N, C-alpha and C. Protein backbone atom coordinates (compact mmCIF):
# COMPACT_ATOMS: atom_id res chain seq x y z
N MET A 1 -115.88 74.77 24.99
CA MET A 1 -116.95 75.71 24.47
C MET A 1 -116.64 76.00 23.02
N THR A 2 -117.54 75.95 22.19
CA THR A 2 -117.31 76.23 20.73
C THR A 2 -117.66 77.71 20.56
N ASP A 3 -116.80 78.47 19.81
CA ASP A 3 -116.92 79.78 19.32
C ASP A 3 -117.86 79.77 18.08
N GLY A 4 -117.90 78.68 17.14
CA GLY A 4 -118.81 78.83 15.97
C GLY A 4 -118.27 77.77 15.04
N VAL A 5 -118.51 77.89 13.75
CA VAL A 5 -118.50 76.93 12.88
C VAL A 5 -117.62 77.41 11.71
N ILE A 6 -116.80 76.60 11.00
CA ILE A 6 -115.95 76.59 9.93
C ILE A 6 -116.57 75.60 8.64
N LEU A 7 -116.88 76.27 7.79
CA LEU A 7 -117.43 75.36 6.68
C LEU A 7 -116.34 75.35 5.54
N CYS A 8 -116.01 74.24 5.41
CA CYS A 8 -115.11 73.66 4.32
C CYS A 8 -115.76 73.07 3.01
N VAL A 9 -115.44 73.66 1.76
CA VAL A 9 -116.20 73.16 0.80
C VAL A 9 -115.21 72.89 -0.45
N ASP A 10 -115.15 71.58 -0.88
CA ASP A 10 -114.21 71.28 -2.02
C ASP A 10 -115.01 69.91 -2.48
N ASP A 11 -114.70 69.61 -3.79
CA ASP A 11 -115.23 68.54 -4.45
C ASP A 11 -114.40 67.26 -4.30
N GLU A 12 -113.04 67.52 -3.55
CA GLU A 12 -112.27 66.23 -3.28
C GLU A 12 -112.24 66.02 -1.84
N GLU A 13 -112.74 64.68 -1.72
CA GLU A 13 -112.93 64.17 -0.19
C GLU A 13 -111.49 64.23 0.55
N THR A 14 -110.51 63.97 -0.23
CA THR A 14 -109.14 63.95 0.44
C THR A 14 -108.65 65.50 0.91
N ILE A 15 -109.09 66.48 0.24
CA ILE A 15 -108.75 67.84 0.59
C ILE A 15 -109.64 68.04 1.79
N LEU A 16 -110.98 67.87 1.83
CA LEU A 16 -111.69 68.12 3.01
C LEU A 16 -111.21 67.26 4.20
N ASN A 17 -110.91 66.14 3.92
CA ASN A 17 -110.21 65.41 5.28
C ASN A 17 -109.04 65.86 5.76
N ALA A 18 -108.21 66.49 4.89
CA ALA A 18 -106.84 67.17 5.21
C ALA A 18 -107.29 68.31 6.02
N LEU A 19 -108.22 69.14 5.48
CA LEU A 19 -108.65 70.20 6.08
C LEU A 19 -109.11 70.31 7.51
N ASP A 20 -109.98 69.09 7.66
CA ASP A 20 -110.73 68.70 8.88
C ASP A 20 -109.54 68.40 9.88
N MET A 21 -108.62 67.58 9.75
CA MET A 21 -107.66 67.27 10.62
C MET A 21 -106.64 68.49 10.82
N GLN A 22 -106.44 69.18 9.95
CA GLN A 22 -105.48 70.18 10.29
C GLN A 22 -106.30 71.41 11.17
N LEU A 23 -107.61 71.66 10.87
CA LEU A 23 -108.28 72.67 11.85
C LEU A 23 -108.45 72.01 13.03
N ASP A 24 -108.66 70.78 13.20
CA ASP A 24 -109.00 70.22 14.33
C ASP A 24 -107.56 70.42 15.15
N GLU A 25 -106.46 70.03 14.56
CA GLU A 25 -105.10 70.16 15.25
C GLU A 25 -104.90 71.53 15.61
N MET A 26 -105.19 72.58 14.78
CA MET A 26 -104.92 73.74 15.15
C MET A 26 -105.87 74.62 16.06
N PHE A 27 -107.13 74.21 16.20
CA PHE A 27 -108.13 74.81 17.07
C PHE A 27 -108.78 73.95 17.88
N GLY A 28 -108.45 72.63 18.03
CA GLY A 28 -109.22 71.83 18.84
C GLY A 28 -110.92 71.86 18.74
N ALA A 29 -111.48 72.03 19.91
CA ALA A 29 -112.91 72.22 20.12
C ALA A 29 -113.38 73.50 19.85
N ARG A 30 -112.55 74.48 19.65
CA ARG A 30 -112.75 75.99 19.75
C ARG A 30 -113.83 76.10 18.46
N PHE A 31 -113.84 75.33 17.31
CA PHE A 31 -114.81 75.31 16.35
C PHE A 31 -115.34 74.15 15.90
N ILE A 32 -116.55 74.16 15.38
CA ILE A 32 -117.11 72.81 14.68
C ILE A 32 -116.65 73.01 13.31
N VAL A 33 -116.00 71.96 12.75
CA VAL A 33 -115.68 71.99 11.34
C VAL A 33 -116.93 71.24 10.56
N GLU A 34 -117.51 71.83 9.58
CA GLU A 34 -118.45 71.29 8.64
C GLU A 34 -117.90 71.06 7.34
N LEU A 35 -118.05 70.04 6.73
CA LEU A 35 -117.49 69.48 5.55
C LEU A 35 -118.63 69.35 4.38
N ALA A 36 -118.42 70.01 3.33
CA ALA A 36 -119.21 69.84 2.11
C ALA A 36 -118.52 69.68 0.81
N GLN A 37 -119.04 68.41 0.17
CA GLN A 37 -118.40 68.10 -1.09
C GLN A 37 -119.01 68.71 -2.33
N GLY A 38 -118.74 69.97 -2.51
CA GLY A 38 -119.46 70.68 -3.41
C GLY A 38 -120.48 71.79 -3.03
N ALA A 39 -120.74 72.69 -3.83
CA ALA A 39 -121.79 73.74 -3.46
C ALA A 39 -123.03 73.21 -3.02
N ALA A 40 -123.64 72.19 -3.63
CA ALA A 40 -125.06 71.81 -3.41
C ALA A 40 -125.04 71.27 -1.79
N GLU A 41 -124.01 70.55 -1.41
CA GLU A 41 -124.09 70.17 -0.02
C GLU A 41 -123.75 71.33 0.83
N ALA A 42 -122.95 72.25 0.52
CA ALA A 42 -122.71 73.41 1.28
C ALA A 42 -123.96 74.36 1.36
N TYR A 43 -124.78 74.43 0.24
CA TYR A 43 -125.90 75.26 0.64
C TYR A 43 -126.92 74.52 1.49
N GLU A 44 -126.96 73.18 1.69
CA GLU A 44 -127.67 72.52 2.69
C GLU A 44 -127.24 72.70 4.14
N VAL A 45 -125.87 72.77 4.26
CA VAL A 45 -125.35 73.07 5.51
C VAL A 45 -125.38 74.75 5.80
N LEU A 46 -125.48 75.63 4.93
CA LEU A 46 -125.78 76.95 5.15
C LEU A 46 -127.17 77.04 5.72
N GLU A 47 -128.08 76.35 5.17
CA GLU A 47 -129.46 76.47 5.59
C GLU A 47 -129.58 76.11 7.05
N GLY A 48 -128.81 75.09 7.45
CA GLY A 48 -129.02 74.84 8.79
C GLY A 48 -128.30 75.95 9.92
N TYR A 49 -127.56 76.81 9.31
CA TYR A 49 -126.96 77.89 10.24
C TYR A 49 -127.64 79.29 10.04
N GLU A 50 -128.69 79.34 9.10
CA GLU A 50 -129.34 80.40 9.00
C GLU A 50 -130.24 80.94 10.19
N ALA A 51 -130.70 79.84 11.07
CA ALA A 51 -131.22 80.06 12.32
C ALA A 51 -130.64 80.67 13.26
N GLY A 52 -129.20 80.55 13.13
CA GLY A 52 -128.22 81.23 14.07
C GLY A 52 -128.09 80.70 15.33
N GLU A 53 -128.16 79.43 15.72
CA GLU A 53 -127.91 78.86 17.06
C GLU A 53 -126.36 78.96 17.22
N LEU A 54 -125.46 78.59 16.36
CA LEU A 54 -124.25 78.73 16.59
C LEU A 54 -123.86 79.61 15.16
N PRO A 55 -122.78 80.53 15.53
CA PRO A 55 -122.51 81.26 14.45
C PRO A 55 -121.64 80.70 13.41
N LEU A 56 -121.87 80.89 11.92
CA LEU A 56 -121.04 80.54 10.95
C LEU A 56 -120.03 81.64 10.87
N LEU A 57 -118.70 81.28 11.01
CA LEU A 57 -117.70 82.25 11.11
C LEU A 57 -116.85 82.25 9.86
N VAL A 58 -116.56 81.07 9.41
CA VAL A 58 -115.44 81.07 8.32
C VAL A 58 -116.02 80.08 7.28
N ILE A 59 -115.77 80.48 5.90
CA ILE A 59 -116.10 79.59 4.77
C ILE A 59 -114.80 79.58 4.01
N ILE A 60 -114.23 78.23 3.93
CA ILE A 60 -113.06 77.96 3.18
C ILE A 60 -113.50 77.24 1.94
N SER A 61 -113.33 77.74 0.62
CA SER A 61 -113.93 77.27 -0.60
C SER A 61 -113.00 77.00 -1.58
N ASP A 62 -112.98 75.89 -2.33
CA ASP A 62 -112.21 75.74 -3.52
C ASP A 62 -112.92 76.57 -4.62
N TRP A 63 -112.25 76.75 -5.66
CA TRP A 63 -112.76 77.60 -6.71
C TRP A 63 -113.22 76.39 -7.79
N GLN A 64 -112.49 75.62 -8.38
CA GLN A 64 -112.96 74.71 -9.47
C GLN A 64 -113.69 73.57 -9.04
N MET A 65 -115.04 73.66 -9.07
CA MET A 65 -115.88 72.54 -8.55
C MET A 65 -116.79 72.37 -9.86
N PRO A 66 -117.31 71.16 -9.95
CA PRO A 66 -118.18 70.94 -11.06
C PRO A 66 -119.64 71.69 -11.28
N GLN A 67 -120.20 71.78 -10.27
CA GLN A 67 -121.71 72.42 -10.37
C GLN A 67 -121.50 74.20 -10.54
N ILE A 68 -120.71 74.59 -9.66
CA ILE A 68 -120.68 76.05 -9.68
C ILE A 68 -119.15 76.55 -9.14
N LYS A 69 -118.53 77.37 -9.64
CA LYS A 69 -117.33 77.96 -9.44
C LYS A 69 -117.53 78.59 -7.91
N GLY A 70 -116.05 78.38 -7.44
CA GLY A 70 -116.12 79.17 -5.91
C GLY A 70 -116.44 80.32 -5.85
N ASP A 71 -116.10 81.16 -6.73
CA ASP A 71 -116.34 82.69 -6.74
C ASP A 71 -117.91 82.85 -6.54
N GLU A 72 -118.69 82.12 -7.56
CA GLU A 72 -120.07 82.24 -7.48
C GLU A 72 -120.77 81.72 -6.21
N PHE A 73 -120.19 80.60 -5.79
CA PHE A 73 -120.67 80.15 -4.43
C PHE A 73 -120.44 81.07 -3.28
N LEU A 74 -119.21 81.70 -3.27
CA LEU A 74 -118.91 82.56 -2.19
C LEU A 74 -119.80 83.81 -2.25
N ILE A 75 -120.08 84.44 -3.53
CA ILE A 75 -120.99 85.50 -3.57
C ILE A 75 -122.38 85.23 -3.15
N GLU A 76 -122.92 84.07 -3.31
CA GLU A 76 -124.20 83.56 -2.69
C GLU A 76 -124.01 83.66 -1.38
N ALA A 77 -122.99 82.94 -0.85
CA ALA A 77 -122.89 82.77 0.60
C ALA A 77 -122.73 83.99 1.31
N HIS A 78 -122.07 85.03 0.66
CA HIS A 78 -122.02 86.29 1.25
C HIS A 78 -123.37 87.03 1.26
N ARG A 79 -124.18 86.69 0.37
CA ARG A 79 -125.51 87.44 0.32
C ARG A 79 -126.28 86.94 1.53
N ARG A 80 -126.05 85.87 1.92
CA ARG A 80 -126.70 85.10 3.06
C ARG A 80 -126.17 85.39 4.23
N PHE A 81 -124.80 85.43 4.30
CA PHE A 81 -124.01 85.61 5.60
C PHE A 81 -122.91 86.78 5.33
N PRO A 82 -123.22 87.92 5.22
CA PRO A 82 -122.17 88.92 4.91
C PRO A 82 -121.16 89.18 5.94
N ARG A 83 -121.25 88.83 7.11
CA ARG A 83 -120.23 88.91 8.13
C ARG A 83 -119.20 87.82 8.25
N VAL A 84 -119.43 86.62 7.49
CA VAL A 84 -118.72 85.44 7.55
C VAL A 84 -117.15 85.82 6.88
N LEU A 85 -116.15 85.29 7.42
CA LEU A 85 -114.85 85.34 6.69
C LEU A 85 -114.76 84.28 5.53
N LYS A 86 -114.52 84.90 4.48
CA LYS A 86 -114.36 83.95 3.38
C LYS A 86 -113.00 83.91 2.79
N ILE A 87 -112.44 82.70 2.68
CA ILE A 87 -111.21 82.35 2.06
C ILE A 87 -111.25 81.24 0.82
N MET A 88 -110.62 81.54 -0.06
CA MET A 88 -110.49 80.74 -1.32
C MET A 88 -109.16 79.87 -1.19
N LEU A 89 -109.43 78.53 -1.47
CA LEU A 89 -108.23 77.76 -1.42
C LEU A 89 -108.23 76.78 -2.73
N SER A 90 -107.43 77.07 -3.53
CA SER A 90 -107.50 76.27 -4.78
C SER A 90 -106.16 76.16 -5.50
N GLY A 91 -106.09 75.18 -6.40
CA GLY A 91 -104.85 75.13 -7.11
C GLY A 91 -105.00 75.62 -8.67
N HIS A 92 -106.13 75.95 -8.89
CA HIS A 92 -106.47 76.41 -10.47
C HIS A 92 -107.46 77.49 -10.45
N ALA A 93 -107.48 78.44 -9.52
CA ALA A 93 -108.29 79.56 -9.61
C ALA A 93 -107.93 80.51 -10.72
N ASP A 94 -108.93 81.24 -11.39
CA ASP A 94 -108.76 82.13 -12.29
C ASP A 94 -108.71 83.40 -11.69
N PRO A 95 -107.52 84.14 -11.98
CA PRO A 95 -107.37 85.65 -11.44
C PRO A 95 -108.62 86.37 -11.51
N VAL A 96 -109.29 86.26 -12.57
CA VAL A 96 -110.53 87.08 -12.65
C VAL A 96 -111.66 86.74 -11.71
N ALA A 97 -111.64 85.52 -11.47
CA ALA A 97 -112.68 84.80 -10.51
C ALA A 97 -112.37 85.27 -9.00
N VAL A 98 -110.96 85.23 -8.75
CA VAL A 98 -110.63 85.69 -7.32
C VAL A 98 -111.00 87.27 -7.41
N ASP A 99 -110.85 87.96 -8.16
CA ASP A 99 -111.02 89.25 -8.17
C ASP A 99 -112.69 89.65 -8.13
N ASN A 100 -113.37 88.73 -8.74
CA ASN A 100 -114.88 88.72 -8.57
C ASN A 100 -115.29 88.41 -7.20
N ALA A 101 -114.42 87.66 -6.52
CA ALA A 101 -115.02 87.11 -5.07
C ALA A 101 -114.60 88.33 -4.38
N ARG A 102 -113.49 88.89 -4.55
CA ARG A 102 -113.03 89.92 -3.69
C ARG A 102 -114.12 91.14 -3.69
N ALA A 103 -114.46 91.38 -4.79
CA ALA A 103 -115.51 92.65 -5.13
C ALA A 103 -116.79 92.52 -4.50
N HIS A 104 -117.22 91.08 -4.98
CA HIS A 104 -118.66 90.83 -4.62
C HIS A 104 -118.99 89.84 -3.41
N ALA A 105 -117.91 89.30 -2.83
CA ALA A 105 -118.16 88.42 -1.63
C ALA A 105 -117.23 88.83 -0.39
N GLU A 106 -116.44 89.99 -0.63
CA GLU A 106 -115.39 90.31 0.44
C GLU A 106 -114.62 89.10 0.76
N LEU A 107 -114.01 88.68 -0.32
CA LEU A 107 -113.01 87.39 -0.03
C LEU A 107 -111.78 88.10 0.73
N TYR A 108 -111.50 87.35 1.85
CA TYR A 108 -110.51 87.87 2.66
C TYR A 108 -109.19 87.68 2.06
N CYS A 109 -108.92 86.30 1.66
CA CYS A 109 -107.71 85.97 0.84
C CYS A 109 -107.91 84.78 0.20
N PHE A 110 -106.68 84.59 -0.64
CA PHE A 110 -106.72 83.34 -1.67
C PHE A 110 -105.49 82.79 -1.23
N LEU A 111 -105.59 81.34 -1.07
CA LEU A 111 -104.45 80.69 -0.60
C LEU A 111 -104.37 79.37 -1.90
N ALA A 112 -103.08 79.23 -2.12
CA ALA A 112 -102.97 78.12 -3.36
C ALA A 112 -102.79 76.80 -2.85
N LYS A 113 -103.21 75.86 -3.32
CA LYS A 113 -102.77 74.45 -3.07
C LYS A 113 -101.76 74.22 -3.68
N PRO A 114 -100.88 73.33 -3.09
CA PRO A 114 -101.04 72.83 -1.59
C PRO A 114 -100.76 74.04 -0.70
N TRP A 115 -101.54 74.28 0.15
CA TRP A 115 -101.37 75.16 1.12
C TRP A 115 -100.40 75.08 2.22
N ASP A 116 -100.02 76.07 3.03
CA ASP A 116 -99.14 75.96 4.14
C ASP A 116 -100.23 76.23 5.20
N LYS A 117 -100.03 75.20 6.22
CA LYS A 117 -101.02 74.99 7.20
C LYS A 117 -100.88 76.40 8.39
N ASP A 118 -99.70 76.94 8.40
CA ASP A 118 -99.47 77.92 9.19
C ASP A 118 -100.07 79.30 8.54
N GLU A 119 -99.88 79.29 7.29
CA GLU A 119 -100.57 80.50 6.44
C GLU A 119 -102.18 80.38 6.62
N LEU A 120 -102.68 79.17 6.51
CA LEU A 120 -104.01 79.01 6.63
C LEU A 120 -104.54 79.44 8.12
N ARG A 121 -103.83 79.13 9.21
CA ARG A 121 -104.31 79.26 10.34
C ARG A 121 -104.05 80.99 10.72
N ASP A 122 -103.01 81.41 10.07
CA ASP A 122 -102.92 82.99 10.24
C ASP A 122 -104.01 83.62 9.51
N ALA A 123 -104.53 83.13 8.26
CA ALA A 123 -105.53 83.78 7.59
C ALA A 123 -106.86 83.61 8.41
N ILE A 124 -106.99 82.57 8.97
CA ILE A 124 -108.30 82.52 9.89
C ILE A 124 -108.40 83.46 11.14
N VAL A 125 -107.17 83.12 11.90
CA VAL A 125 -107.02 84.10 13.18
C VAL A 125 -107.10 85.51 12.74
N ASN A 126 -106.24 86.20 11.82
CA ASN A 126 -106.11 87.37 11.43
C ASN A 126 -107.44 88.09 10.75
N GLY A 127 -107.98 87.08 10.00
CA GLY A 127 -109.22 87.48 9.49
C GLY A 127 -110.42 87.79 10.13
N MET A 128 -110.51 86.67 11.33
CA MET A 128 -111.55 86.96 12.34
C MET A 128 -111.22 88.20 13.15
N ARG A 129 -110.01 88.23 13.59
CA ARG A 129 -109.71 89.63 14.28
C ARG A 129 -110.12 90.67 13.50
N GLU A 130 -109.67 90.92 12.28
CA GLU A 130 -110.27 91.90 11.55
C GLU A 130 -111.64 92.35 11.36
N LYS A 131 -112.52 91.21 11.06
CA LYS A 131 -113.75 91.40 11.09
C LYS A 131 -114.59 91.51 12.46
N GLY A 132 -113.88 91.32 13.44
CA GLY A 132 -114.65 91.33 14.88
C GLY A 132 -115.37 90.08 15.11
N LEU A 133 -114.95 88.92 14.78
CA LEU A 133 -115.64 87.77 15.15
C LEU A 133 -115.09 87.05 16.04
């Protein structure tokens, strides 16, 4: 049985594939993992979950993407899905942008690339527990 959806957003396909493999290894069939190569694709995925058949539980987003920065994307995602756990995963995040996401998107945490998979798992598990998801 699936608990819900984790959406991963990054402009690099190799990062998305690594996240997909690690999340599957960590959680198995507990979550459906959706991958979006940038914010435009992510908005399309979000539209599919606004109906609410399966709950969107977690968004893991890069910061440095071509069309829109991760903090701006997370703020818009938060407007549409305020209860979702939001994690920023980036190698080049601007501290002001991270603060912006914390203030306006309830960013749960920032993890630097390359990330530690145990740290990512703990962020997801602890964040969901704290949010009651």
